[in-house]
C-alpha atoms as a PDB file:
ATOM      1  CA  MET A   1     -10.039  -8.129   3.562  1.00  0.00           C
ATOM      2  CA  LEU A   2      -8.530  -4.846   4.394  1.00  0.00           C
ATOM      3  CA  LEU A   3      -5.720  -4.457   2.148  1.00  0.00           C
ATOM      4  CA  ALA A   4      -7.863  -6.264  -0.977  1.00  0.00           C
ATOM      5  CA  THR A   5     -10.206  -2.745   0.322  1.00  0.00           C
ATOM      6  CA  LEU A   6      -7.276  -0.124   0.155  1.00  0.00           C
ATOM      7  CA  LEU A   7      -5.749  -1.845  -3.372  1.00  0.00           C
ATOM      8  CA  TYR A   8      -9.019  -2.434  -4.433  1.00  0.00           C
ATOM      9  CA  ALA A   9      -8.545  -0.258  -8.202  1.00  0.00           C
ATOM     10  CA  CYS A  10      -5.874  -0.523 -10.470  1.00  0.00           C
ATOM     11  CA  ASN A  11      -3.602   1.675 -12.324  1.00  0.00           C
ATOM     12  CA  GLN A  12      -4.283   2.311 -15.921  1.00  0.00           C
ATOM     13  CA  GLY A  13      -2.148   2.776 -18.031  1.00  0.00           C
ATOM     14  CA  THR A  14      -2.475   5.301 -21.605  1.00  0.00           C
ATOM     15  CA  ASN A  15      -2.703   3.664 -24.245  1.00  0.00           C
ATOM     16  CA  LYS A  16      -0.482   5.464 -26.194  1.00  0.00           C
ATOM     17  CA  THR A  17       2.736   3.248 -27.192  1.00  0.00           C
ATOM     18  CA  PRO A  18       5.977   5.219 -26.937  1.00  0.00           C
ATOM     19  CA  SER A  19       7.633   5.748 -30.860  1.00  0.00           C
ATOM     20  CA  ASN A  20      10.846   6.107 -29.314  1.00  0.00           C
ATOM     21  CA  THR A  21      13.814   4.266 -26.940  1.00  0.00           C
ATOM     22  CA  LYS A  22      13.933   7.397 -24.921  1.00  0.00           C
ATOM     23  CA  ASP A  23      10.484   7.491 -24.434  1.00  0.00           C
ATOM     24  CA  LYS A  24      10.029   3.964 -24.174  1.00  0.00           C
ATOM     25  CA  VAL A  25      12.526   4.315 -20.844  1.00  0.00           C
ATOM     26  CA  ALA A  26      10.933   7.353 -19.919  1.00  0.00           C
ATOM     27  CA  SER A  27       7.166   5.673 -20.040  1.00  0.00           C
ATOM     28  CA  ALA A  28       8.249   2.125 -18.457  1.00  0.00           C
ATOM     29  CA  GLN A  29      11.078   3.841 -15.335  1.00  0.00           C
ATOM     30  CA  LYS A  30       7.217   5.807 -14.408  1.00  0.00           C
ATOM     31  CA  ALA A  31       5.744   3.008 -14.330  1.00  0.00           C
ATOM     32  CA  SER A  32       8.067   0.777 -11.856  1.00  0.00           C
ATOM     33  CA  ASP A  33       8.134   4.777 -10.191  1.00  0.00           C
ATOM     34  CA  THR A  34       4.509   3.922  -9.781  1.00  0.00           C
ATOM     35  CA  LEU A  35       4.286   0.791  -8.844  1.00  0.00           C
ATOM     36  CA  ASN A  36       6.569   0.858  -5.627  1.00  0.00           C
ATOM     37  CA  ILE A  37       6.235   3.908  -3.495  1.00  0.00           C
ATOM     38  CA  ASP A  38       7.580   3.222  -0.346  1.00  0.00           C
ATOM     39  CA  ILE A  39       4.747   4.236   2.851  1.00  0.00           C
ATOM     40  CA  VAL A  40       7.531   4.020   5.172  1.00  0.00           C
ATOM     41  CA  GLN A  41       9.231   7.427   2.441  1.00  0.00           C
ATOM     42  CA  THR A  42       6.061   8.900   2.153  1.00  0.00           C
ATOM     43  CA  SER A  43       4.802   8.475   5.012  1.00  0.00           C
ATOM     44  CA  SER A  44       6.805   7.943   7.512  1.00  0.00           C
ATOM     45  CA  ASN A  45       4.658   9.310  10.669  1.00  0.00           C
ATOM     46  CA  GLN A  46       1.909   6.752  10.136  1.00  0.00           C
ATOM     47  CA  ALA A  47       5.139   3.967   9.595  1.00  0.00           C
ATOM     48  CA  ARG A  48       7.911   2.363  10.521  1.00  0.00           C
ATOM     49  CA  VAL A  49       9.943  -0.155  10.300  1.00  0.00           C
ATOM     50  CA  LEU A  50       9.773  -2.623  13.015  1.00  0.00           C
ATOM     51  CA  MET A  51      12.555  -5.982  11.506  1.00  0.00           C
ATOM     52  CA  GLU A  52      13.525  -6.231   7.380  1.00  0.00           C
ATOM     53  CA  ASN A  53      15.638  -9.206   6.076  1.00  0.00           C
ATOM     54  CA  GLU A  54      16.403 -10.282   2.746  1.00  0.00           C
ATOM     55  CA  HIS A  55      12.934 -11.965   2.816  1.00  0.00           C
ATOM     56  CA  VAL A  56      10.986 -10.057   4.067  1.00  0.00           C
ATOM     57  CA  ARG A  57      10.401  -6.134   5.835  1.00  0.00           C
ATOM     58  CA  ILE A  58       7.749  -5.884   8.708  1.00  0.00           C
ATOM     59  CA  VAL A  59       6.062  -2.917   8.588  1.00  0.00           C
ATOM     60  CA  GLU A  60       4.105  -1.281  11.255  1.00  0.00           C
ATOM     61  CA  TYR A  61       1.265   1.239   9.923  1.00  0.00           C
ATOM     62  CA  PHE A  62      -0.514   3.722  12.553  1.00  0.00           C
ATOM     63  CA  ILE A  63      -3.246   6.224  11.612  1.00  0.00           C
ATOM     64  CA  LYS A  64      -4.674   8.873  13.681  1.00  0.00           C
ATOM     65  CA  PRO A  65      -8.880   9.684  12.744  1.00  0.00           C
ATOM     66  CA  GLY A  66      -8.516  12.367  10.966  1.00  0.00           C
ATOM     67  CA  GLU A  67      -5.273  11.451   9.381  1.00  0.00           C
ATOM     68  CA  LYS A  68      -4.565  10.800   5.819  1.00  0.00           C
ATOM     69  CA  ASP A  69      -1.179   9.090   4.028  1.00  0.00           C
ATOM     70  CA  THR A  70       0.332   9.559   1.038  1.00  0.00           C
ATOM     71  CA  TRP A  71       0.104   8.455  -2.449  1.00  0.00           C
ATOM     72  CA  HIS A  72       1.973   4.897  -2.245  1.00  0.00           C
ATOM     73  CA  THR A  73       1.871   1.856  -3.830  1.00  0.00           C
ATOM     74  CA  HIS A  74       2.104  -1.589  -2.099  1.00  0.00           C
ATOM     75  CA  PRO A  75       4.259  -5.318  -2.491  1.00  0.00           C
ATOM     76  CA  PRO A  76       2.503  -8.724  -1.680  1.00  0.00           C
ATOM     77  CA  ARG A  77       2.219  -8.749   1.905  1.00  0.00           C
ATOM     78  CA  SER A  78      -0.017  -9.961   4.729  1.00  0.00           C
ATOM     79  CA  SER A  79      -1.684  -7.565   7.472  1.00  0.00           C
ATOM     80  CA  TYR A  80      -2.022  -7.878  10.944  1.00  0.00           C
ATOM     81  CA  VAL A  81      -4.928  -5.024  11.678  1.00  0.00           C
ATOM     82  CA  ILE A  82      -3.672  -4.814  15.541  1.00  0.00           C
ATOM     83  CA  SER A  83      -6.718  -1.944  16.479  1.00  0.00           C
ATOM     84  CA  GLY A  84      -9.358  -1.569  13.699  1.00  0.00           C
ATOM     85  CA  GLY A  85     -11.551   2.138  12.693  1.00  0.00           C
ATOM     86  CA  GLN A  86     -13.086   3.384   9.596  1.00  0.00           C
ATOM     87  CA  VAL A  87     -11.354   4.489   6.900  1.00  0.00           C
ATOM     88  CA  LYS A  88     -11.662   6.018   3.003  1.00  0.00           C
ATOM     89  CA  VAL A  89      -9.027   4.682   0.331  1.00  0.00           C
ATOM     90  CA  PHE A  90      -8.196   6.939  -2.412  1.00  0.00           C
ATOM     91  CA  THR A  91      -7.585   5.531  -5.945  1.00  0.00           C
ATOM     92  CA  GLU A  92      -6.175   7.243  -9.750  1.00  0.00           C
ATOM     93  CA  SER A  93      -8.409   5.097 -11.136  1.00  0.00           C
ATOM     94  CA  ALA A  94     -11.666   5.486  -9.085  1.00  0.00           C
ATOM     95  CA  GLU A  95     -14.305   6.718  -6.891  1.00  0.00           C
ATOM     96  CA  PRO A  96     -12.854   6.785  -2.831  1.00  0.00           C
ATOM     97  CA  LYS A  97     -14.234   3.329  -1.104  1.00  0.00           C
ATOM     98  CA  ILE A  98     -15.327   3.451   2.737  1.00  0.00           C
ATOM     99  CA  SER A  99     -14.211   0.354   4.900  1.00  0.00           C
ATOM    100  CA  GLU A 100     -14.565  -0.641   7.845  1.00  0.00           C
ATOM    101  CA  VAL A 101     -11.079  -2.351  10.178  1.00  0.00           C
ATOM    102  CA  LYS A 102     -11.761  -5.017  11.908  1.00  0.00           C
ATOM    103  CA  ALA A 103      -8.888  -6.065  14.479  1.00  0.00           C
ATOM    104  CA  GLY A 104      -8.121  -9.173  14.826  1.00  0.00           C
ATOM    105  CA  THR A 105      -8.524  -9.846  10.686  1.00  0.00           C
ATOM    106  CA  SER A 106      -5.665 -10.483   8.729  1.00  0.00           C
ATOM    107  CA  SER A 107      -5.154 -11.004   5.047  1.00  0.00           C
ATOM    108  CA  TRP A 108      -2.960 -11.095   2.532  1.00  0.00           C
ATOM    109  CA  ALA A 109      -2.839  -9.552  -0.940  1.00  0.00           C
ATOM    110  CA  ALA A 110      -0.417  -8.983  -4.523  1.00  0.00           C
ATOM    111  CA  GLN A 111       1.275  -6.244  -5.269  1.00  0.00           C
ATOM    112  CA  GLY A 112      -1.427  -3.152  -5.025  1.00  0.00           C
ATOM    113  CA  ALA A 113      -2.479  -0.092  -6.366  1.00  0.00           C
ATOM    114  CA  LYS A 114      -1.119   2.862  -5.892  1.00  0.00           C
ATOM    115  CA  HIS A 115      -3.158   4.793  -2.760  1.00  0.00           C
ATOM    116  CA  TYR A 116      -3.908   6.446  -0.111  1.00  0.00           C
ATOM    117  CA  VAL A 117      -6.197   6.238   3.070  1.00  0.00           C
ATOM    118  CA  GLU A 118      -7.711   8.952   5.150  1.00  0.00           C
ATOM    119  CA  ASN A 119      -8.878   7.777   9.071  1.00  0.00           C
ATOM    120  CA  ILE A 120     -12.591   8.586   9.061  1.00  0.00           C
ATOM    121  CA  GLY A 121     -13.642   7.321  12.297  1.00  0.00           C
ATOM    122  CA  ASN A 122     -13.249   8.465  16.462  1.00  0.00           C
ATOM    123  CA  THR A 123     -10.294   5.348  16.686  1.00  0.00           C
ATOM    124  CA  ASP A 124      -6.442   4.864  16.243  1.00  0.00           C
ATOM    125  CA  ILE A 125      -6.383   2.122  13.574  1.00  0.00           C
ATOM    126  CA  LYS A 126      -2.325   0.401  14.085  1.00  0.00           C
ATOM    127  CA  ILE A 127      -1.496  -2.846  11.764  1.00  0.00           C
ATOM    128  CA  ILE A 128       1.543  -4.767  10.710  1.00  0.00           C
ATOM    129  CA  LEU A 129       2.582  -5.078   7.361  1.00  0.00           C
ATOM    130  CA  THR A 130       4.656  -8.866   6.624  1.00  0.00           C
ATOM    131  CA  GLU A 131       5.877  -7.446   2.815  1.00  0.00           C
ATOM    132  CA  ILE A 132       8.135  -9.939   0.910  1.00  0.00           C
ATOM    133  CA  LYS A 133      11.174  -9.954  -1.349  1.00  0.00           C
ATOM    134  CA  SER A 134      11.454 -13.323  -1.187  1.00  0.00           C
ATOM    135  CA  LEU A 135      10.517 -16.572  -1.411  1.00  0.00           C
ATOM    136  CA  GLN A 136      13.490 -17.894  -1.806  1.00  0.00           C
ATOM    137  CA  ILE A 137      14.863 -19.312   1.825  1.00  0.00           C
ATOM    138  CA  GLY A 138      17.976 -21.103   2.559  1.00  0.00           C
ATOM    139  CA  LEU A 139      17.895 -24.164   4.828  1.00  0.00           C
END
């Protein structure tokens, strides 16, 4: 539920179609950059890698009351809330949403839209994210 709430809105592209190959390449690169904004790189005060291999990356996300992270996206992932609180989620395509993040809950979410989060509650929030890189596991 948390990640679904955090990532509720999709990025809305423009209706313009690039007129030449150079514009198409630039447009595709911009779309790719928008869809893959790594929270560990953009919000290093709130996100750190606990473990990573070719299949998954496990990220600890921690945000204190009054803090905001920066614009980012998420790949497909599961989450587990260690400690919860109240957040406000901002996206490019919709009004901000307020959500209660509950300790002990877990969820699954697909690729996430570009967003950032503000902790508007009085408690530290800590979430463990398991990002999926590959579903091919050799035995």
